Structures are given as structure tokens and as C-alpha cells.
């Protein structure tokens, strides 16, 4: 998955079950693909709030099935810092 992402694959593409690459990386048993999860969470175009056919976000799936669920909290914290800096008139680094 990391090769596809690095070569410009659509990070918000959907499977038949409406799963995004982020859903798939988050659902890997025991966080078997942490590098893909990291790349996706750092990608500015990823829809972190996308829901699948049963209404789950990738974060919900990760909290249930992956030891890397904290990566979602870290990503959210980074987004909040960037938004706060932009609101204060500072450009993100």
C-alpha cells in the first residue's frame, strides 16, 4: 500500500464496502502496517472522518483492532496545532 500512496494513488478511493485505504490500514491485525497508517495520517488529502458502509471511521476500527490507535490521536493533535497557528496568523511550518 505504501508504494501505491507514494506513487500518487487516490488516498480516498473506496472499496465495495466503502472502505478507504485508511480504513484498511487501520484494520490490519495488530497494526501490521504501521508505515502505511503513518503515511496516510500525514497526508493532507486523507479524509480522516470518512465512514464505511457500516458507519465506522478508520479511527473506530483502529481502536478496536490495532495497537496503533494512538496514531490517530497524535494526528489530530498535529492538525489542531496547525489550525491554531493559522488562526493566530502564523503559517504552518
Protein backbone atom coordinates (compact mmCIF):
# COMPACT_ATOMS: atom_id res chain seq x y z
CA UNK A 1 0.00 0.00 0.00
CA UNK A 2 2.85 2.41 0.77
CA UNK A 3 4.16 2.12 -2.81
CA UNK A 4 0.75 2.98 -4.25
CA UNK A 5 0.40 6.01 -1.98
CA UNK A 6 3.91 7.25 -2.75
CA UNK A 7 3.13 6.95 -6.47
CA UNK A 8 0.06 9.15 -6.21
CA UNK A 9 -2.81 6.71 -5.69
CA UNK A 10 -6.11 8.25 -4.58
CA UNK A 11 -5.93 8.15 -0.77
CA UNK A 12 -9.71 8.46 -0.52
CA UNK A 13 -10.65 5.75 -3.03
CA UNK A 14 -13.33 3.33 -1.83
CA UNK A 15 -13.84 -0.42 -1.86
CA UNK A 16 -17.25 -2.00 -2.42
CA UNK A 17 -17.77 -1.78 1.36
CA UNK A 18 -16.88 1.92 1.22
CA UNK A 19 -13.55 1.34 2.97
CA UNK A 20 -10.76 3.83 2.28
CA UNK A 21 -7.05 2.97 2.37
CA UNK A 22 -7.04 4.47 5.87
CA UNK A 23 -9.79 2.04 6.95
CA UNK A 24 -7.79 -0.86 5.51
CA UNK A 25 -4.54 0.19 7.20
CA UNK A 26 -6.35 0.71 10.50
CA UNK A 27 -7.96 -2.72 10.33
CA UNK A 28 -4.70 -4.63 9.85
CA UNK A 29 -4.48 -7.18 12.69
CA UNK A 30 -2.21 -5.95 15.47
CA UNK A 31 -1.23 -2.93 13.40
CA UNK A 32 0.67 -4.97 10.82
CA UNK A 33 1.06 -1.98 8.53
CA UNK A 34 2.07 0.98 10.74
CA UNK A 35 4.07 2.65 7.96
CA UNK A 36 1.01 2.85 5.67
CA UNK A 37 -1.07 4.15 8.57
CA UNK A 38 1.54 6.81 9.32
CA UNK A 39 1.81 7.90 5.68
CA UNK A 40 -1.95 8.14 5.34
CA UNK A 41 -2.42 10.08 8.57
CA UNK A 42 0.21 12.58 7.50
CA UNK A 43 -1.29 13.01 4.02
CA UNK A 44 -3.10 16.34 3.77
CA UNK A 45 -5.72 14.94 1.39
CA UNK A 46 -6.88 11.99 3.52
CA UNK A 47 -10.44 12.26 4.77
CA UNK A 48 -9.86 11.10 8.34
CA UNK A 49 -13.60 11.34 9.04
CA UNK A 50 -14.70 9.10 6.15
CA UNK A 51 -17.16 6.41 7.18
CA UNK A 52 -17.56 2.96 5.68
CA UNK A 53 -20.81 1.18 4.83
CA UNK A 54 -21.50 0.38 8.48
CA UNK A 55 -20.74 3.91 9.67
CA UNK A 56 -17.28 3.35 11.12
CA UNK A 57 -14.35 5.71 10.77
CA UNK A 58 -10.82 4.34 10.46
CA UNK A 59 -10.15 5.54 14.00
CA UNK A 60 -13.06 3.48 15.33
CA UNK A 61 -11.66 0.42 13.58
CA UNK A 62 -8.15 1.07 14.90
CA UNK A 63 -9.39 1.45 18.46
CA UNK A 64 -10.98 -1.98 18.18
CA UNK A 65 -8.35 -3.90 16.25
CA UNK A 66 -4.96 -2.19 16.23
CA UNK A 67 -2.27 -1.37 18.71
CA UNK A 68 -1.59 1.80 16.71
CA UNK A 69 -4.84 3.57 17.53
CA UNK A 70 -2.86 6.30 19.33
CA UNK A 71 -1.54 7.43 15.95
CA UNK A 72 -4.98 8.92 15.29
CA UNK A 73 -4.76 11.00 18.49
CA UNK A 74 -1.30 12.23 17.53
CA UNK A 75 -2.50 13.14 14.03
CA UNK A 76 -5.50 15.00 15.48
CA UNK A 77 -3.23 16.91 17.87
CA UNK A 78 -0.98 17.95 14.96
CA UNK A 79 -3.96 19.19 12.95
CA UNK A 80 -5.20 21.19 15.94
CA UNK A 81 -1.78 22.83 16.35
CA UNK A 82 -1.66 23.74 12.65
CA UNK A 83 -5.17 25.20 12.79
CA UNK A 84 -4.38 27.18 15.93
CA UNK A 85 -1.21 28.58 14.33
CA UNK A 86 -3.08 29.54 11.17
CA UNK A 87 -5.80 31.26 13.21
CA UNK A 88 -3.17 33.25 15.04
CA UNK A 89 -1.78 34.50 11.73
CA UNK A 90 1.17 32.11 11.73
CA UNK A 91 1.89 29.95 8.73
CA UNK A 92 2.36 26.23 9.37
CA UNK A 93 5.99 25.15 9.12
